[in-house]
Amino acid sequence: MSTKKITSEAALQAALDIRRKVFIEEQQVPEEEEIDAYDGLDAPCDHILA
């Protein structure tokens, strides 16, 4: 397995698309719980795509 730190809007959108499919659509997690203020490139956290 490889990992990659997300540093572009395109990569961030790809990760969010995966989360939307898996968590929101398949597992029925409410979108407001899954996607929040920390889901942006300017957030005080790192996003990693594995």
PDB file of N, CA and C in Angstrom:
ATOM      1  N   MET A   1       0.854  -1.166   0.000  1.00  0.00           N
ATOM      2  CA  MET A   1       0.000   0.000   0.000  1.00  0.00           C
ATOM      3  C   MET A   1       0.902   1.232   0.000  1.00  0.00           C
ATOM      4  N   SER A   2       0.455   2.250  -0.678  1.00  0.00           N
ATOM      5  CA  SER A   2       1.175   3.521  -0.666  1.00  0.00           C
ATOM      6  C   SER A   2       0.260   4.620  -0.142  1.00  0.00           C
ATOM      7  N   THR A   3       0.867   5.653   0.373  1.00  0.00           N
ATOM      8  CA  THR A   3       0.105   6.799   0.860  1.00  0.00           C
ATOM      9  C   THR A   3       0.632   8.060   0.192  1.00  0.00           C
ATOM     10  N   LYS A   4      -0.236   9.058   0.110  1.00  0.00           N
ATOM     11  CA  LYS A   4       0.130  10.327  -0.510  1.00  0.00           C
ATOM     12  C   LYS A   4      -0.587  11.452   0.228  1.00  0.00           C
ATOM     13  N   LYS A   5       0.183  12.445   0.644  1.00  0.00           N
ATOM     14  CA  LYS A   5      -0.418  13.620   1.269  1.00  0.00           C
ATOM     15  C   LYS A   5      -1.153  14.420   0.194  1.00  0.00           C
ATOM     16  N   ILE A   6      -2.359  14.822   0.492  1.00  0.00           N
ATOM     17  CA  ILE A   6      -3.164  15.582  -0.460  1.00  0.00           C
ATOM     18  C   ILE A   6      -2.726  17.041  -0.424  1.00  0.00           C
ATOM     19  N   THR A   7      -2.330  17.549  -1.594  1.00  0.00           N
ATOM     20  CA  THR A   7      -1.842  18.926  -1.681  1.00  0.00           C
ATOM     21  C   THR A   7      -2.512  19.730  -2.790  1.00  0.00           C
ATOM     22  N   SER A   8      -3.460  19.137  -3.498  1.00  0.00           N
ATOM     23  CA  SER A   8      -4.142  19.861  -4.577  1.00  0.00           C
ATOM     24  C   SER A   8      -5.650  19.704  -4.447  1.00  0.00           C
ATOM     25  N   GLU A   9      -6.365  20.629  -5.032  1.00  0.00           N
ATOM     26  CA  GLU A   9      -7.842  20.553  -5.004  1.00  0.00           C
ATOM     27  C   GLU A   9      -8.326  19.295  -5.710  1.00  0.00           C
ATOM     28  N   ALA A  10      -7.659  18.898  -6.800  1.00  0.00           N
ATOM     29  CA  ALA A  10      -8.079  17.696  -7.536  1.00  0.00           C
ATOM     30  C   ALA A  10      -7.947  16.448  -6.664  1.00  0.00           C
ATOM     31  N   ALA A  11      -6.839  16.326  -5.949  1.00  0.00           N
ATOM     32  CA  ALA A  11      -6.640  15.169  -5.068  1.00  0.00           C
ATOM     33  C   ALA A  11      -7.620  15.200  -3.900  1.00  0.00           C
ATOM     34  N   LEU A  12      -7.866  16.380  -3.364  1.00  0.00           N
ATOM     35  CA  LEU A  12      -8.831  16.516  -2.275  1.00  0.00           C
ATOM     36  C   LEU A  12     -10.222  16.112  -2.751  1.00  0.00           C
ATOM     37  N   GLN A  13     -10.598  16.531  -3.925  1.00  0.00           N
ATOM     38  CA  GLN A  13     -11.913  16.171  -4.467  1.00  0.00           C
ATOM     39  C   GLN A  13     -12.019  14.663  -4.678  1.00  0.00           C
ATOM     40  N   ALA A  14     -10.939  14.032  -5.135  1.00  0.00           N
ATOM     41  CA  ALA A  14     -10.941  12.576  -5.310  1.00  0.00           C
ATOM     42  C   ALA A  14     -11.165  11.875  -3.969  1.00  0.00           C
ATOM     43  N   ALA A  15     -10.494  12.341  -2.931  1.00  0.00           N
ATOM     44  CA  ALA A  15     -10.662  11.745  -1.602  1.00  0.00           C
ATOM     45  C   ALA A  15     -12.081  11.955  -1.080  1.00  0.00           C
ATOM     46  N   LEU A  16     -12.608  13.150  -1.276  1.00  0.00           N
ATOM     47  CA  LEU A  16     -13.978  13.425  -0.819  1.00  0.00           C
ATOM     48  C   LEU A  16     -14.997  12.595  -1.591  1.00  0.00           C
ATOM     49  N   ASP A  17     -14.740  12.359  -2.871  1.00  0.00           N
ATOM     50  CA  ASP A  17     -15.628  11.506  -3.667  1.00  0.00           C
ATOM     51  C   ASP A  17     -15.656  10.083  -3.115  1.00  0.00           C
ATOM     52  N   ILE A  18     -14.484   9.581  -2.729  1.00  0.00           N
ATOM     53  CA  ILE A  18     -14.412   8.240  -2.138  1.00  0.00           C
ATOM     54  C   ILE A  18     -15.178   8.215  -0.819  1.00  0.00           C
ATOM     55  N   ARG A  19     -14.947   9.203   0.027  1.00  0.00           N
ATOM     56  CA  ARG A  19     -15.652   9.256   1.319  1.00  0.00           C
ATOM     57  C   ARG A  19     -17.161   9.378   1.126  1.00  0.00           C
ATOM     58  N   ARG A  20     -17.567  10.155   0.140  1.00  0.00           N
ATOM     59  CA  ARG A  20     -18.999  10.313  -0.126  1.00  0.00           C
ATOM     60  C   ARG A  20     -19.609   8.958  -0.513  1.00  0.00           C
ATOM     61  N   LYS A  21     -18.936   8.241  -1.408  1.00  0.00           N
ATOM     62  CA  LYS A  21     -19.453   6.943  -1.864  1.00  0.00           C
ATOM     63  C   LYS A  21     -19.504   5.934  -0.714  1.00  0.00           C
ATOM     64  N   VAL A  22     -18.399   5.807   0.016  1.00  0.00           N
ATOM     65  CA  VAL A  22     -18.302   4.781   1.055  1.00  0.00           C
ATOM     66  C   VAL A  22     -19.135   5.121   2.288  1.00  0.00           C
ATOM     67  N   PHE A  23     -18.952   6.313   2.822  1.00  0.00           N
ATOM     68  CA  PHE A  23     -19.583   6.624   4.109  1.00  0.00           C
ATOM     69  C   PHE A  23     -20.997   7.183   3.975  1.00  0.00           C
ATOM     70  N   ILE A  24     -21.189   8.121   3.066  1.00  0.00           N
ATOM     71  CA  ILE A  24     -22.514   8.757   2.959  1.00  0.00           C
ATOM     72  C   ILE A  24     -23.499   7.857   2.225  1.00  0.00           C
ATOM     73  N   GLU A  25     -23.090   7.362   1.049  1.00  0.00           N
ATOM     74  CA  GLU A  25     -24.023   6.548   0.256  1.00  0.00           C
ATOM     75  C   GLU A  25     -24.153   5.123   0.785  1.00  0.00           C
ATOM     76  N   GLU A  26     -23.028   4.433   1.009  1.00  0.00           N
ATOM     77  CA  GLU A  26     -23.099   3.025   1.390  1.00  0.00           C
ATOM     78  C   GLU A  26     -23.407   2.801   2.862  1.00  0.00           C
ATOM     79  N   GLN A  27     -22.825   3.619   3.743  1.00  0.00           N
ATOM     80  CA  GLN A  27     -23.013   3.406   5.174  1.00  0.00           C
ATOM     81  C   GLN A  27     -24.031   4.351   5.794  1.00  0.00           C
ATOM     82  N   GLN A  28     -24.616   5.229   4.969  1.00  0.00           N
ATOM     83  CA  GLN A  28     -25.690   6.115   5.400  1.00  0.00           C
ATOM     84  C   GLN A  28     -25.282   7.085   6.518  1.00  0.00           C
ATOM     85  N   VAL A  29     -24.016   7.508   6.531  1.00  0.00           N
ATOM     86  CA  VAL A  29     -23.579   8.530   7.473  1.00  0.00           C
ATOM     87  C   VAL A  29     -24.099   9.873   6.967  1.00  0.00           C
ATOM     88  N   PRO A  30     -24.747  10.672   7.795  1.00  0.00           N
ATOM     89  CA  PRO A  30     -25.238  11.977   7.340  1.00  0.00           C
ATOM     90  C   PRO A  30     -24.075  12.835   6.824  1.00  0.00           C
ATOM     91  N   GLU A  31     -24.292  13.509   5.704  1.00  0.00           N
ATOM     92  CA  GLU A  31     -23.245  14.315   5.085  1.00  0.00           C
ATOM     93  C   GLU A  31     -22.691  15.365   6.039  1.00  0.00           C
ATOM     94  N   GLU A  32     -23.544  15.954   6.858  1.00  0.00           N
ATOM     95  CA  GLU A  32     -23.084  16.987   7.784  1.00  0.00           C
ATOM     96  C   GLU A  32     -22.165  16.422   8.875  1.00  0.00           C
ATOM     97  N   GLU A  33     -22.196  15.116   9.090  1.00  0.00           N
ATOM     98  CA  GLU A  33     -21.270  14.492  10.034  1.00  0.00           C
ATOM     99  C   GLU A  33     -19.971  14.078   9.351  1.00  0.00           C
ATOM    100  N   GLU A  34     -20.033  13.744   8.092  1.00  0.00           N
ATOM    101  CA  GLU A  34     -18.858  13.247   7.377  1.00  0.00           C
ATOM    102  C   GLU A  34     -17.997  14.369   6.806  1.00  0.00           C
ATOM    103  N   ILE A  35     -18.604  15.385   6.248  1.00  0.00           N
ATOM    104  CA  ILE A  35     -17.889  16.493   5.627  1.00  0.00           C
ATOM    105  C   ILE A  35     -18.029  17.715   6.533  1.00  0.00           C
ATOM    106  N   ASP A  36     -16.876  18.286   6.947  1.00  0.00           N
ATOM    107  CA  ASP A  36     -16.943  19.417   7.872  1.00  0.00           C
ATOM    108  C   ASP A  36     -15.878  20.464   7.542  1.00  0.00           C
ATOM    109  N   ALA A  37     -15.665  21.383   8.442  1.00  0.00           N
ATOM    110  CA  ALA A  37     -14.736  22.496   8.219  1.00  0.00           C
ATOM    111  C   ALA A  37     -13.287  22.040   8.097  1.00  0.00           C
ATOM    112  N   TYR A  38     -12.990  20.825   8.490  1.00  0.00           N
ATOM    113  CA  TYR A  38     -11.622  20.308   8.392  1.00  0.00           C
ATOM    114  C   TYR A  38     -11.337  19.647   7.042  1.00  0.00           C
ATOM    115  N   ASP A  39     -12.278  19.663   6.144  1.00  0.00           N
ATOM    116  CA  ASP A  39     -12.130  19.009   4.851  1.00  0.00           C
ATOM    117  C   ASP A  39     -11.763  19.983   3.747  1.00  0.00           C
ATOM    118  N   GLY A  40     -10.703  20.730   3.970  1.00  0.00           N
ATOM    119  CA  GLY A  40     -10.201  21.671   2.980  1.00  0.00           C
ATOM    120  C   GLY A  40      -8.686  21.724   3.044  1.00  0.00           C
ATOM    121  N   LEU A  41      -8.078  22.208   2.003  1.00  0.00           N
ATOM    122  CA  LEU A  41      -6.618  22.299   1.978  1.00  0.00           C
ATOM    123  C   LEU A  41      -6.082  23.273   3.009  1.00  0.00           C
ATOM    124  N   ASP A  42      -6.904  24.220   3.424  1.00  0.00           N
ATOM    125  CA  ASP A  42      -6.468  25.219   4.398  1.00  0.00           C
ATOM    126  C   ASP A  42      -6.778  24.803   5.842  1.00  0.00           C
ATOM    127  N   ALA A  43      -7.257  23.604   6.041  1.00  0.00           N
ATOM    128  CA  ALA A  43      -7.593  23.114   7.390  1.00  0.00           C
ATOM    129  C   ALA A  43      -6.314  22.843   8.184  1.00  0.00           C
ATOM    130  N   PRO A  44      -6.405  22.922   9.509  1.00  0.00           N
ATOM    131  CA  PRO A  44      -5.212  22.699  10.344  1.00  0.00           C
ATOM    132  C   PRO A  44      -4.913  21.206  10.553  1.00  0.00           C
ATOM    133  N   CYS A  45      -5.037  20.423   9.482  1.00  0.00           N
ATOM    134  CA  CYS A  45      -4.754  18.998   9.549  1.00  0.00           C
ATOM    135  C   CYS A  45      -4.278  18.538   8.174  1.00  0.00           C
ATOM    136  N   ASP A  46      -3.725  17.341   8.128  1.00  0.00           N
ATOM    137  CA  ASP A  46      -3.284  16.761   6.862  1.00  0.00           C
ATOM    138  C   ASP A  46      -4.329  15.776   6.376  1.00  0.00           C
ATOM    139  N   HIS A  47      -4.477  15.695   5.077  1.00  0.00           N
ATOM    140  CA  HIS A  47      -5.333  14.685   4.457  1.00  0.00           C
ATOM    141  C   HIS A  47      -4.420  13.740   3.701  1.00  0.00           C
ATOM    142  N   ILE A  48      -4.647  12.447   3.886  1.00  0.00           N
ATOM    143  CA  ILE A  48      -3.799  11.427   3.286  1.00  0.00           C
ATOM    144  C   ILE A  48      -4.684  10.493   2.471  1.00  0.00           C
ATOM    145  N   LEU A  49      -4.243  10.175   1.261  1.00  0.00           N
ATOM    146  CA  LEU A  49      -4.956   9.218   0.412  1.00  0.00           C
ATOM    147  C   LEU A  49      -4.133   7.949   0.365  1.00  0.00           C
ATOM    148  N   ALA A  50      -4.739   6.844   0.740  1.00  0.00           N
ATOM    149  CA  ALA A  50      -4.012   5.553   0.757  1.00  0.00           C
ATOM    150  C   ALA A  50      -4.551   4.658  -0.338  1.00  0.00           C
TER     151      ALA A  50
END
